[in-house]
Full PDB file with SEQRES, HELIX, SHEET, SSBOND, CRYST1, ORIGX, SCALE, CONECT and MASTER records, all heavy atoms in Angstrom:
SEQRES   1 A   41  VAL HIS ALA HIS LYS ASP ARG ARG LEU TYR ASP VAL LEU          
SEQRES   2 A   41  ASP THR ALA MET GLY ALA ARG ARG GLN PRO LEU MET TYR          
SEQRES   3 A   41  LEU ILE SER THR ALA GLY PHE ASN LYS ASN GLY ILE CYS          
SEQRES   4 A   41  MET GLU                                                      
HELIX    1 AA1 ARG A    8  ALA A   16  1                                   9    
HELIX    2 AA2 MET A   17  ALA A   19  5                                   3    
CRYST1    1.000    1.000    1.000  90.00  90.00  90.00 P 1           1          
ORIGX1      1.000000  0.000000  0.000000        0.00000                         
ORIGX2      0.000000  1.000000  0.000000        0.00000                         
ORIGX3      0.000000  0.000000  1.000000        0.00000                         
SCALE1      1.000000  0.000000  0.000000        0.00000                         
SCALE2      0.000000  1.000000  0.000000        0.00000                         
SCALE3      0.000000  0.000000  1.000000        0.00000                         
ATOM      1  N   VAL A   1       1.736   5.368  -7.759  1.00  0.00           N  
ATOM      2  CA  VAL A   1       2.587   5.697  -6.637  1.00  0.00           C  
ATOM      3  C   VAL A   1       4.033   5.838  -7.070  1.00  0.00           C  
ATOM      4  O   VAL A   1       4.850   6.594  -6.471  1.00  0.00           O  
ATOM      5  CB  VAL A   1       2.477   4.554  -5.559  1.00  0.00           C  
ATOM      6  CG1 VAL A   1       3.296   4.862  -4.390  1.00  0.00           C  
ATOM      7  CG2 VAL A   1       1.067   4.349  -5.146  1.00  0.00           C  
ATOM      8  N   HIS A   2       4.461   5.180  -8.190  1.00  0.00           N  
ATOM      9  CA  HIS A   2       5.805   5.247  -8.649  1.00  0.00           C  
ATOM     10  C   HIS A   2       6.155   6.725  -9.030  1.00  0.00           C  
ATOM     11  O   HIS A   2       7.348   7.139  -9.132  1.00  0.00           O  
ATOM     12  CB  HIS A   2       6.132   4.349  -9.822  1.00  0.00           C  
ATOM     13  CG  HIS A   2       5.480   4.776 -11.119  1.00  0.00           C  
ATOM     14  ND1 HIS A   2       4.203   4.434 -11.466  1.00  0.00           N  
ATOM     15  CD2 HIS A   2       5.948   5.533 -12.142  1.00  0.00           C  
ATOM     16  CE1 HIS A   2       3.902   5.006 -12.688  1.00  0.00           C  
ATOM     17  NE2 HIS A   2       4.948   5.628 -13.067  1.00  0.00           N  
ATOM     18  N   ALA A   3       5.116   7.522  -9.352  1.00  0.00           N  
ATOM     19  CA  ALA A   3       5.333   8.925  -9.814  1.00  0.00           C  
ATOM     20  C   ALA A   3       5.473   9.909  -8.712  1.00  0.00           C  
ATOM     21  O   ALA A   3       5.817  11.033  -8.939  1.00  0.00           O  
ATOM     22  CB  ALA A   3       4.227   9.302 -10.835  1.00  0.00           C  
ATOM     23  N   HIS A   4       5.295   9.540  -7.492  1.00  0.00           N  
ATOM     24  CA  HIS A   4       5.369  10.390  -6.358  1.00  0.00           C  
ATOM     25  C   HIS A   4       6.791  10.672  -5.972  1.00  0.00           C  
ATOM     26  O   HIS A   4       7.499   9.742  -5.659  1.00  0.00           O  
ATOM     27  CB  HIS A   4       4.529   9.776  -5.131  1.00  0.00           C  
ATOM     28  CG  HIS A   4       3.120   9.795  -5.335  1.00  0.00           C  
ATOM     29  ND1 HIS A   4       2.232  10.516  -4.568  1.00  0.00           N  
ATOM     30  CD2 HIS A   4       2.352   9.086  -6.153  1.00  0.00           C  
ATOM     31  CE1 HIS A   4       0.989  10.290  -4.938  1.00  0.00           C  
ATOM     32  NE2 HIS A   4       1.033   9.460  -5.949  1.00  0.00           N  
ATOM     33  N   LYS A   5       7.222  11.874  -6.136  1.00  0.00           N  
ATOM     34  CA  LYS A   5       8.569  12.244  -5.878  1.00  0.00           C  
ATOM     35  C   LYS A   5       8.961  12.226  -4.411  1.00  0.00           C  
ATOM     36  O   LYS A   5      10.161  12.189  -4.063  1.00  0.00           O  
ATOM     37  CB  LYS A   5       8.983  13.580  -6.525  1.00  0.00           C  
ATOM     38  CG  LYS A   5       8.897  13.535  -8.027  1.00  0.00           C  
ATOM     39  CD  LYS A   5       9.266  14.902  -8.649  1.00  0.00           C  
ATOM     40  CE  LYS A   5       9.405  14.822 -10.179  1.00  0.00           C  
ATOM     41  NZ  LYS A   5       8.137  14.494 -10.825  1.00  0.00           N  
ATOM     42  N   ASP A   6       8.010  12.395  -3.526  1.00  0.00           N  
ATOM     43  CA  ASP A   6       8.222  12.377  -2.130  1.00  0.00           C  
ATOM     44  C   ASP A   6       7.016  11.711  -1.480  1.00  0.00           C  
ATOM     45  O   ASP A   6       6.072  11.336  -2.100  1.00  0.00           O  
ATOM     46  CB  ASP A   6       8.481  13.776  -1.520  1.00  0.00           C  
ATOM     47  CG  ASP A   6       7.365  14.782  -1.786  1.00  0.00           C  
ATOM     48  OD1 ASP A   6       6.132  14.403  -1.496  1.00  0.00           O  
ATOM     49  OD2 ASP A   6       7.564  15.891  -2.227  1.00  0.00           O  
ATOM     50  N   ARG A   7       7.066  11.601  -0.207  1.00  0.00           N  
ATOM     51  CA  ARG A   7       5.993  10.890   0.566  1.00  0.00           C  
ATOM     52  C   ARG A   7       5.034  11.832   1.301  1.00  0.00           C  
ATOM     53  O   ARG A   7       4.263  11.401   2.135  1.00  0.00           O  
ATOM     54  CB  ARG A   7       6.670   9.917   1.546  1.00  0.00           C  
ATOM     55  CG  ARG A   7       7.671  10.387   2.480  1.00  0.00           C  
ATOM     56  CD  ARG A   7       8.233   9.334   3.413  1.00  0.00           C  
ATOM     57  NE  ARG A   7       7.178   8.733   4.151  1.00  0.00           N  
ATOM     58  CZ  ARG A   7       7.080   7.437   4.486  1.00  0.00           C  
ATOM     59  NH1 ARG A   7       7.988   6.620   4.055  1.00  0.00           N  
ATOM     60  NH2 ARG A   7       6.082   7.006   5.196  1.00  0.00           N  
ATOM     61  N   ARG A   8       4.988  13.138   0.967  1.00  0.00           N  
ATOM     62  CA  ARG A   8       4.273  14.093   1.593  1.00  0.00           C  
ATOM     63  C   ARG A   8       2.713  13.724   1.633  1.00  0.00           C  
ATOM     64  O   ARG A   8       2.113  13.665   2.688  1.00  0.00           O  
ATOM     65  CB  ARG A   8       4.459  15.546   1.021  1.00  0.00           C  
ATOM     66  CG  ARG A   8       3.771  16.560   1.872  1.00  0.00           C  
ATOM     67  CD  ARG A   8       3.958  17.956   1.239  1.00  0.00           C  
ATOM     68  NE  ARG A   8       3.304  18.053  -0.049  1.00  0.00           N  
ATOM     69  CZ  ARG A   8       1.962  18.312  -0.248  1.00  0.00           C  
ATOM     70  NH1 ARG A   8       1.182  18.555   0.847  1.00  0.00           N  
ATOM     71  NH2 ARG A   8       1.457  18.397  -1.444  1.00  0.00           N  
ATOM     72  N   LEU A   9       2.151  13.501   0.403  1.00  0.00           N  
ATOM     73  CA  LEU A   9       0.736  13.176   0.330  1.00  0.00           C  
ATOM     74  C   LEU A   9       0.434  11.899   1.022  1.00  0.00           C  
ATOM     75  O   LEU A   9      -0.545  11.855   1.744  1.00  0.00           O  
ATOM     76  CB  LEU A   9       0.319  13.129  -1.159  1.00  0.00           C  
ATOM     77  CG  LEU A   9      -1.237  12.833  -1.355  1.00  0.00           C  
ATOM     78  CD1 LEU A   9      -2.041  14.002  -0.792  1.00  0.00           C  
ATOM     79  CD2 LEU A   9      -1.478  12.764  -2.849  1.00  0.00           C  
ATOM     80  N   TYR A  10       1.256  10.901   0.843  1.00  0.00           N  
ATOM     81  CA  TYR A  10       1.098   9.615   1.521  1.00  0.00           C  
ATOM     82  C   TYR A  10       1.033   9.841   3.069  1.00  0.00           C  
ATOM     83  O   TYR A  10       0.139   9.323   3.752  1.00  0.00           O  
ATOM     84  CB  TYR A  10       2.128   8.618   1.167  1.00  0.00           C  
ATOM     85  CG  TYR A  10       2.161   7.328   1.992  1.00  0.00           C  
ATOM     86  CD1 TYR A  10       1.343   6.319   1.577  1.00  0.00           C  
ATOM     87  CD2 TYR A  10       2.921   7.259   3.131  1.00  0.00           C  
ATOM     88  CE1 TYR A  10       1.223   5.164   2.431  1.00  0.00           C  
ATOM     89  CE2 TYR A  10       2.884   6.133   3.953  1.00  0.00           C  
ATOM     90  CZ  TYR A  10       2.025   5.076   3.616  1.00  0.00           C  
ATOM     91  OH  TYR A  10       2.006   3.946   4.288  1.00  0.00           O  
ATOM     92  N   ASP A  11       2.018  10.642   3.558  1.00  0.00           N  
ATOM     93  CA  ASP A  11       2.131  10.743   5.043  1.00  0.00           C  
ATOM     94  C   ASP A  11       0.925  11.525   5.639  1.00  0.00           C  
ATOM     95  O   ASP A  11       0.327  11.165   6.649  1.00  0.00           O  
ATOM     96  CB  ASP A  11       3.456  11.497   5.379  1.00  0.00           C  
ATOM     97  CG  ASP A  11       4.620  10.643   5.294  1.00  0.00           C  
ATOM     98  OD1 ASP A  11       4.447   9.344   5.288  1.00  0.00           O  
ATOM     99  OD2 ASP A  11       5.735  11.075   5.209  1.00  0.00           O  
ATOM    100  N   VAL A  12       0.505  12.557   4.840  1.00  0.00           N  
ATOM    101  CA  VAL A  12      -0.604  13.330   5.275  1.00  0.00           C  
ATOM    102  C   VAL A  12      -1.915  12.424   5.403  1.00  0.00           C  
ATOM    103  O   VAL A  12      -2.660  12.464   6.389  1.00  0.00           O  
ATOM    104  CB  VAL A  12      -0.895  14.546   4.398  1.00  0.00           C  
ATOM    105  CG1 VAL A  12      -2.279  15.168   4.649  1.00  0.00           C  
ATOM    106  CG2 VAL A  12       0.132  15.572   4.636  1.00  0.00           C  
ATOM    107  N   LEU A  13      -2.176  11.717   4.346  1.00  0.00           N  
ATOM    108  CA  LEU A  13      -3.333  10.828   4.329  1.00  0.00           C  
ATOM    109  C   LEU A  13      -3.175   9.624   5.275  1.00  0.00           C  
ATOM    110  O   LEU A  13      -4.244   9.287   5.960  1.00  0.00           O  
ATOM    111  CB  LEU A  13      -3.586  10.305   2.857  1.00  0.00           C  
ATOM    112  CG  LEU A  13      -3.953  11.440   1.878  1.00  0.00           C  
ATOM    113  CD1 LEU A  13      -3.918  10.915   0.466  1.00  0.00           C  
ATOM    114  CD2 LEU A  13      -5.321  11.977   2.202  1.00  0.00           C  
ATOM    115  N   ASP A  14      -2.013   9.070   5.448  1.00  0.00           N  
ATOM    116  CA  ASP A  14      -1.822   7.970   6.277  1.00  0.00           C  
ATOM    117  C   ASP A  14      -2.029   8.386   7.798  1.00  0.00           C  
ATOM    118  O   ASP A  14      -2.775   7.700   8.516  1.00  0.00           O  
ATOM    119  CB  ASP A  14      -0.391   7.390   6.144  1.00  0.00           C  
ATOM    120  CG  ASP A  14      -0.139   6.191   6.987  1.00  0.00           C  
ATOM    121  OD1 ASP A  14      -1.026   5.252   6.929  1.00  0.00           O  
ATOM    122  OD2 ASP A  14       0.842   6.106   7.628  1.00  0.00           O  
ATOM    123  N   THR A  15      -1.471   9.475   8.214  1.00  0.00           N  
ATOM    124  CA  THR A  15      -1.650   9.946   9.586  1.00  0.00           C  
ATOM    125  C   THR A  15      -3.064  10.418   9.822  1.00  0.00           C  
ATOM    126  O   THR A  15      -3.590  10.275  10.966  1.00  0.00           O  
ATOM    127  CB  THR A  15      -0.671  11.056   9.886  1.00  0.00           C  
ATOM    128  OG1 THR A  15      -0.795  12.153   8.968  1.00  0.00           O  
ATOM    129  CG2 THR A  15       0.748  10.584   9.926  1.00  0.00           C  
ATOM    130  N   ALA A  16      -3.755  10.937   8.786  1.00  0.00           N  
ATOM    131  CA  ALA A  16      -5.135  11.314   8.929  1.00  0.00           C  
ATOM    132  C   ALA A  16      -6.117  10.206   9.186  1.00  0.00           C  
ATOM    133  O   ALA A  16      -7.268  10.371   9.640  1.00  0.00           O  
ATOM    134  CB  ALA A  16      -5.649  12.122   7.728  1.00  0.00           C  
ATOM    135  N   MET A  17      -5.672   8.969   8.960  1.00  0.00           N  
ATOM    136  CA  MET A  17      -6.513   7.783   9.100  1.00  0.00           C  
ATOM    137  C   MET A  17      -6.554   7.287  10.673  1.00  0.00           C  
ATOM    138  O   MET A  17      -7.257   6.405  10.942  1.00  0.00           O  
ATOM    139  CB  MET A  17      -6.067   6.604   8.308  1.00  0.00           C  
ATOM    140  CG  MET A  17      -6.233   6.818   6.867  1.00  0.00           C  
ATOM    141  SD  MET A  17      -5.539   5.505   5.945  1.00  0.00           S  
ATOM    142  CE  MET A  17      -6.525   5.325   4.518  1.00  0.00           C  
ATOM    143  N   GLY A  18      -5.792   7.946  11.452  1.00  0.00           N  
ATOM    144  CA  GLY A  18      -5.674   7.525  12.848  1.00  0.00           C  
ATOM    145  C   GLY A  18      -6.894   7.354  13.649  1.00  0.00           C  
ATOM    146  O   GLY A  18      -6.947   6.552  14.576  1.00  0.00           O  
ATOM    147  N   ALA A  19      -7.905   8.120  13.318  1.00  0.00           N  
ATOM    148  CA  ALA A  19      -9.181   8.034  14.152  1.00  0.00           C  
ATOM    149  C   ALA A  19     -10.114   6.997  13.642  1.00  0.00           C  
ATOM    150  O   ALA A  19     -11.163   6.755  14.240  1.00  0.00           O  
ATOM    151  CB  ALA A  19      -9.867   9.410  14.006  1.00  0.00           C  
ATOM    152  N   ARG A  20      -9.752   6.267  12.529  1.00  0.00           N  
ATOM    153  CA  ARG A  20     -10.692   5.175  12.016  1.00  0.00           C  
ATOM    154  C   ARG A  20     -10.260   3.837  12.557  1.00  0.00           C  
ATOM    155  O   ARG A  20      -9.111   3.576  12.756  1.00  0.00           O  
ATOM    156  CB  ARG A  20     -10.597   5.183  10.444  1.00  0.00           C  
ATOM    157  CG  ARG A  20     -10.976   6.482   9.785  1.00  0.00           C  
ATOM    158  CD  ARG A  20     -12.496   6.709   9.986  1.00  0.00           C  
ATOM    159  NE  ARG A  20     -12.911   7.931   9.166  1.00  0.00           N  
ATOM    160  CZ  ARG A  20     -14.170   8.229   8.935  1.00  0.00           C  
ATOM    161  NH1 ARG A  20     -15.181   7.531   9.354  1.00  0.00           N  
ATOM    162  NH2 ARG A  20     -14.412   9.355   8.292  1.00  0.00           N  
ATOM    163  N   ARG A  21     -11.289   2.974  12.702  1.00  0.00           N  
ATOM    164  CA  ARG A  21     -11.140   1.706  13.327  1.00  0.00           C  
ATOM    165  C   ARG A  21     -10.396   0.705  12.373  1.00  0.00           C  
ATOM    166  O   ARG A  21      -9.537  -0.100  12.804  1.00  0.00           O  
ATOM    167  CB  ARG A  21     -12.393   1.114  13.706  1.00  0.00           C  
ATOM    168  CG  ARG A  21     -12.346  -0.231  14.483  1.00  0.00           C  
ATOM    169  CD  ARG A  21     -13.651  -0.532  15.235  1.00  0.00           C  
ATOM    170  NE  ARG A  21     -13.461  -1.749  15.970  1.00  0.00           N  
ATOM    171  CZ  ARG A  21     -14.063  -2.907  15.626  1.00  0.00           C  
ATOM    172  NH1 ARG A  21     -14.856  -2.975  14.568  1.00  0.00           N  
ATOM    173  NH2 ARG A  21     -13.931  -3.988  16.347  1.00  0.00           N  
ATOM    174  N   GLN A  22     -10.794   0.737  11.068  1.00  0.00           N  
ATOM    175  CA  GLN A  22     -10.146  -0.187  10.127  1.00  0.00           C  
ATOM    176  C   GLN A  22     -10.028   0.506   8.781  1.00  0.00           C  
ATOM    177  O   GLN A  22     -10.627   0.117   7.757  1.00  0.00           O  
ATOM    178  CB  GLN A  22     -10.858  -1.503   9.981  1.00  0.00           C  
ATOM    179  CG  GLN A  22     -12.323  -1.475   9.623  1.00  0.00           C  
ATOM    180  CD  GLN A  22     -12.914  -2.738   9.250  1.00  0.00           C  
ATOM    181  OE1 GLN A  22     -12.227  -3.756   9.172  1.00  0.00           O  
ATOM    182  NE2 GLN A  22     -14.182  -2.797   8.871  1.00  0.00           N  
ATOM    183  N   PRO A  23      -9.218   1.522   8.698  1.00  0.00           N  
ATOM    184  CA  PRO A  23      -9.004   2.228   7.443  1.00  0.00           C  
ATOM    185  C   PRO A  23      -8.263   1.312   6.403  1.00  0.00           C  
ATOM    186  O   PRO A  23      -7.620   0.306   6.810  1.00  0.00           O  
ATOM    187  CB  PRO A  23      -8.151   3.445   7.836  1.00  0.00           C  
ATOM    188  CG  PRO A  23      -7.377   2.908   8.995  1.00  0.00           C  
ATOM    189  CD  PRO A  23      -8.304   2.002   9.748  1.00  0.00           C  
ATOM    190  N   LEU A  24      -8.304   1.762   5.193  1.00  0.00           N  
ATOM    191  CA  LEU A  24      -7.569   1.017   4.136  1.00  0.00           C  
ATOM    192  C   LEU A  24      -6.814   2.041   3.216  1.00  0.00           C  
ATOM    193  O   LEU A  24      -7.416   2.921   2.754  1.00  0.00           O  
ATOM    194  CB  LEU A  24      -8.473   0.210   3.254  1.00  0.00           C  
ATOM    195  CG  LEU A  24      -7.808  -0.604   2.132  1.00  0.00           C  
ATOM    196  CD1 LEU A  24      -6.958  -1.731   2.719  1.00  0.00           C  
ATOM    197  CD2 LEU A  24      -8.801  -1.246   1.213  1.00  0.00           C  
ATOM    198  N   MET A  25      -5.565   1.870   3.149  1.00  0.00           N  
ATOM    199  CA  MET A  25      -4.696   2.644   2.173  1.00  0.00           C  
ATOM    200  C   MET A  25      -4.420   1.650   1.004  1.00  0.00           C  
ATOM    201  O   MET A  25      -3.661   0.604   1.170  1.00  0.00           O  
ATOM    202  CB  MET A  25      -3.383   3.011   2.797  1.00  0.00           C  
ATOM    203  CG  MET A  25      -2.404   3.751   1.909  1.00  0.00           C  
ATOM    204  SD  MET A  25      -2.820   5.419   1.439  1.00  0.00           S  
ATOM    205  CE  MET A  25      -2.410   6.324   2.958  1.00  0.00           C  
ATOM    206  N   TYR A  26      -4.936   1.917  -0.142  1.00  0.00           N  
ATOM    207  CA  TYR A  26      -4.763   1.143  -1.277  1.00  0.00           C  
ATOM    208  C   TYR A  26      -3.848   1.782  -2.339  1.00  0.00           C  
ATOM    209  O   TYR A  26      -4.266   2.811  -2.929  1.00  0.00           O  
ATOM    210  CB  TYR A  26      -6.118   0.743  -1.915  1.00  0.00           C  
ATOM    211  CG  TYR A  26      -6.174  -0.284  -3.027  1.00  0.00           C  
ATOM    212  CD1 TYR A  26      -5.861  -1.598  -2.763  1.00  0.00           C  
ATOM    213  CD2 TYR A  26      -6.492   0.099  -4.314  1.00  0.00           C  
ATOM    214  CE1 TYR A  26      -5.876  -2.458  -3.778  1.00  0.00           C  
ATOM    215  CE2 TYR A  26      -6.465  -0.822  -5.343  1.00  0.00           C  
ATOM    216  CZ  TYR A  26      -6.175  -2.131  -5.095  1.00  0.00           C  
ATOM    217  OH  TYR A  26      -6.131  -3.057  -6.020  1.00  0.00           O  
ATOM    218  N   LEU A  27      -2.645   1.297  -2.496  1.00  0.00           N  
ATOM    219  CA  LEU A  27      -1.626   1.961  -3.382  1.00  0.00           C  
ATOM    220  C   LEU A  27      -1.576   1.173  -4.664  1.00  0.00           C  
ATOM    221  O   LEU A  27      -1.391   0.015  -4.626  1.00  0.00           O  
ATOM    222  CB  LEU A  27      -0.244   1.978  -2.713  1.00  0.00           C  
ATOM    223  CG  LEU A  27      -0.187   2.484  -1.308  1.00  0.00           C  
ATOM    224  CD1 LEU A  27       1.161   2.102  -0.663  1.00  0.00           C  
ATOM    225  CD2 LEU A  27      -0.443   3.881  -1.258  1.00  0.00           C  
ATOM    226  N   ILE A  28      -1.804   1.871  -5.810  1.00  0.00           N  
ATOM    227  CA  ILE A  28      -1.763   1.235  -7.110  1.00  0.00           C  
ATOM    228  C   ILE A  28      -0.709   1.819  -7.930  1.00  0.00           C  
ATOM    229  O   ILE A  28      -0.447   3.088  -7.889  1.00  0.00           O  
ATOM    230  CB  ILE A  28      -3.126   1.165  -7.843  1.00  0.00           C  
ATOM    231  CG1 ILE A  28      -3.649   2.636  -8.031  1.00  0.00           C  
ATOM    232  CG2 ILE A  28      -4.143   0.393  -7.006  1.00  0.00           C  
ATOM    233  CD1 ILE A  28      -4.962   2.660  -8.800  1.00  0.00           C  
ATOM    234  N   SER A  29      -0.072   1.045  -8.797  1.00  0.00           N  
ATOM    235  CA  SER A  29       0.997   1.573  -9.725  1.00  0.00           C  
ATOM    236  C   SER A  29       1.312   0.601 -10.752  1.00  0.00           C  
ATOM    237  O   SER A  29       1.196  -0.632 -10.615  1.00  0.00           O  
ATOM    238  CB  SER A  29       2.220   1.882  -8.823  1.00  0.00           C  
ATOM    239  OG  SER A  29       3.096   2.644  -9.599  1.00  0.00           O  
ATOM    240  N   THR A  30       1.767   1.114 -11.886  1.00  0.00           N  
ATOM    241  CA  THR A  30       2.493   0.314 -12.865  1.00  0.00           C  
ATOM    242  C   THR A  30       3.967   0.459 -12.444  1.00  0.00           C  
ATOM    243  O   THR A  30       4.325   1.207 -11.563  1.00  0.00           O  
ATOM    244  CB  THR A  30       2.282   0.836 -14.249  1.00  0.00           C  
ATOM    245  OG1 THR A  30       2.587   2.290 -14.304  1.00  0.00           O  
ATOM    246  CG2 THR A  30       0.908   0.667 -14.762  1.00  0.00           C  
ATOM    247  N   ALA A  31       4.855  -0.177 -13.143  1.00  0.00           N  
ATOM    248  CA  ALA A  31       6.266  -0.161 -12.797  1.00  0.00           C  
ATOM    249  C   ALA A  31       6.831   1.276 -13.203  1.00  0.00           C  
ATOM    250  O   ALA A  31       6.318   1.819 -14.192  1.00  0.00           O  
ATOM    251  CB  ALA A  31       7.059  -1.193 -13.494  1.00  0.00           C  
ATOM    252  N   GLY A  32       7.834   1.736 -12.516  1.00  0.00           N  
ATOM    253  CA  GLY A  32       8.446   3.052 -12.814  1.00  0.00           C  
ATOM    254  C   GLY A  32       9.929   2.979 -12.689  1.00  0.00           C  
ATOM    255  O   GLY A  32      10.512   1.873 -12.517  1.00  0.00           O  
ATOM    256  N   PHE A  33      10.543   4.132 -12.750  1.00  0.00           N  
ATOM    257  CA  PHE A  33      12.043   4.154 -12.659  1.00  0.00           C  
ATOM    258  C   PHE A  33      12.599   4.756 -11.415  1.00  0.00           C  
ATOM    259  O   PHE A  33      13.798   4.822 -11.230  1.00  0.00           O  
ATOM    260  CB  PHE A  33      12.523   4.898 -13.920  1.00  0.00           C  
ATOM    261  CG  PHE A  33      12.191   4.292 -15.225  1.00  0.00           C  
ATOM    262  CD1 PHE A  33      11.100   4.672 -15.962  1.00  0.00           C  
ATOM    263  CD2 PHE A  33      12.912   3.146 -15.740  1.00  0.00           C  
ATOM    264  CE1 PHE A  33      10.693   4.095 -17.222  1.00  0.00           C  
ATOM    265  CE2 PHE A  33      12.524   2.495 -16.929  1.00  0.00           C  
ATOM    266  CZ  PHE A  33      11.444   2.999 -17.675  1.00  0.00           C  
ATOM    267  N   ASN A  34      11.756   5.328 -10.634  1.00  0.00           N  
ATOM    268  CA  ASN A  34      12.185   6.041  -9.429  1.00  0.00           C  
ATOM    269  C   ASN A  34      12.515   5.026  -8.345  1.00  0.00           C  
ATOM    270  O   ASN A  34      11.547   4.459  -7.792  1.00  0.00           O  
ATOM    271  CB  ASN A  34      11.173   7.075  -8.942  1.00  0.00           C  
ATOM    272  CG  ASN A  34      11.622   7.775  -7.721  1.00  0.00           C  
ATOM    273  OD1 ASN A  34      12.769   7.743  -7.255  1.00  0.00           O  
ATOM    274  ND2 ASN A  34      10.663   8.607  -7.195  1.00  0.00           N  
ATOM    275  N   LYS A  35      13.734   4.790  -8.004  1.00  0.00           N  
ATOM    276  CA  LYS A  35      14.127   3.858  -6.999  1.00  0.00           C  
ATOM    277  C   LYS A  35      14.321   4.420  -5.646  1.00  0.00           C  
ATOM    278  O   LYS A  35      14.749   3.816  -4.653  1.00  0.00           O  
ATOM    279  CB  LYS A  35      15.393   3.146  -7.387  1.00  0.00           C  
ATOM    280  CG  LYS A  35      15.191   2.205  -8.630  1.00  0.00           C  
ATOM    281  CD  LYS A  35      16.428   1.362  -8.875  1.00  0.00           C  
ATOM    282  CE  LYS A  35      16.137   0.506 -10.143  1.00  0.00           C  
ATOM    283  NZ  LYS A  35      17.256  -0.406 -10.437  1.00  0.00           N  
ATOM    284  N   ASN A  36      13.991   5.739  -5.459  1.00  0.00           N  
ATOM    285  CA  ASN A  36      14.141   6.422  -4.183  1.00  0.00           C  
ATOM    286  C   ASN A  36      12.846   6.915  -3.627  1.00  0.00           C  
ATOM    287  O   ASN A  36      12.903   7.530  -2.586  1.00  0.00           O  
ATOM    288  CB  ASN A  36      15.134   7.717  -4.398  1.00  0.00           C  
ATOM    289  CG  ASN A  36      16.489   7.278  -4.818  1.00  0.00           C  
ATOM    290  OD1 ASN A  36      17.094   6.392  -4.269  1.00  0.00           O  
ATOM    291  ND2 ASN A  36      16.962   7.839  -5.946  1.00  0.00           N  
ATOM    292  N   GLY A  37      11.726   6.643  -4.299  1.00  0.00           N  
ATOM    293  CA  GLY A  37      10.469   7.206  -3.779  1.00  0.00           C  
ATOM    294  C   GLY A  37       9.773   6.264  -2.855  1.00  0.00           C  
ATOM    295  O   GLY A  37      10.202   5.238  -2.530  1.00  0.00           O  
ATOM    296  N   ILE A  38       8.472   6.687  -2.526  1.00  0.00           N  
ATOM    297  CA  ILE A  38       7.661   5.927  -1.611  1.00  0.00           C  
ATOM    298  C   ILE A  38       7.283   4.592  -2.188  1.00  0.00           C  
ATOM    299  O   ILE A  38       7.187   3.642  -1.469  1.00  0.00           O  
ATOM    300  CB  ILE A  38       6.374   6.790  -1.242  1.00  0.00           C  
ATOM    301  CG1 ILE A  38       5.512   5.997  -0.235  1.00  0.00           C  
ATOM    302  CG2 ILE A  38       5.554   7.101  -2.475  1.00  0.00           C  
ATOM    303  CD1 ILE A  38       6.052   5.986   1.101  1.00  0.00           C  
ATOM    304  N   CYS A  39       7.145   4.462  -3.459  1.00  0.00           N  
ATOM    305  CA  CYS A  39       6.786   3.216  -4.139  1.00  0.00           C  
ATOM    306  C   CYS A  39       7.838   2.120  -3.861  1.00  0.00           C  
ATOM    307  O   CYS A  39       7.480   1.018  -3.424  1.00  0.00           O  
ATOM    308  CB  CYS A  39       6.638   3.437  -5.626  1.00  0.00           C  
ATOM    309  SG  CYS A  39       5.973   1.996  -6.460  1.00  0.00           S  
ATOM    310  N   MET A  40       9.080   2.477  -4.178  1.00  0.00           N  
ATOM    311  CA  MET A  40      10.140   1.510  -3.887  1.00  0.00           C  
ATOM    312  C   MET A  40      10.347   1.193  -2.440  1.00  0.00           C  
ATOM    313  O   MET A  40      10.581   0.012  -2.080  1.00  0.00           O  
ATOM    314  CB  MET A  40      11.486   2.090  -4.467  1.00  0.00           C  
ATOM    315  CG  MET A  40      12.547   1.013  -4.569  1.00  0.00           C  
ATOM    316  SD  MET A  40      12.134  -0.206  -5.816  1.00  0.00           S  
ATOM    317  CE  MET A  40      13.503  -1.347  -5.760  1.00  0.00           C  
ATOM    318  N   GLU A  41      10.114   2.155  -1.574  1.00  0.00           N  
ATOM    319  CA  GLU A  41      10.158   1.969  -0.118  1.00  0.00           C  
ATOM    320  C   GLU A  41       9.126   0.890   0.343  1.00  0.00           C  
ATOM    321  O   GLU A  41       9.395   0.023   1.038  1.00  0.00           O  
ATOM    322  CB  GLU A  41       9.942   3.270   0.627  1.00  0.00           C  
ATOM    323  CG  GLU A  41      10.075   3.215   2.108  1.00  0.00           C  
ATOM    324  CD  GLU A  41       9.784   4.559   2.757  1.00  0.00           C  
ATOM    325  OE1 GLU A  41      10.092   5.566   2.146  1.00  0.00           O  
ATOM    326  OE2 GLU A  41       9.282   4.565   3.846  1.00  0.00           O  
TER     327      GLU A  41                                                      
MASTER        0    0    0    2    0    0    0    6  326    1    0    4          
END                                                                             
């Protein structure tokens, strides 16, 4: 997730889960240097 420069893919997948009763978004990452991306958020 630290390598994602923007949140586009996250947002598309997150909003697509709206019809599920108990979806799971599992974000995995090693540490990175981008302090402005979705990972730091």
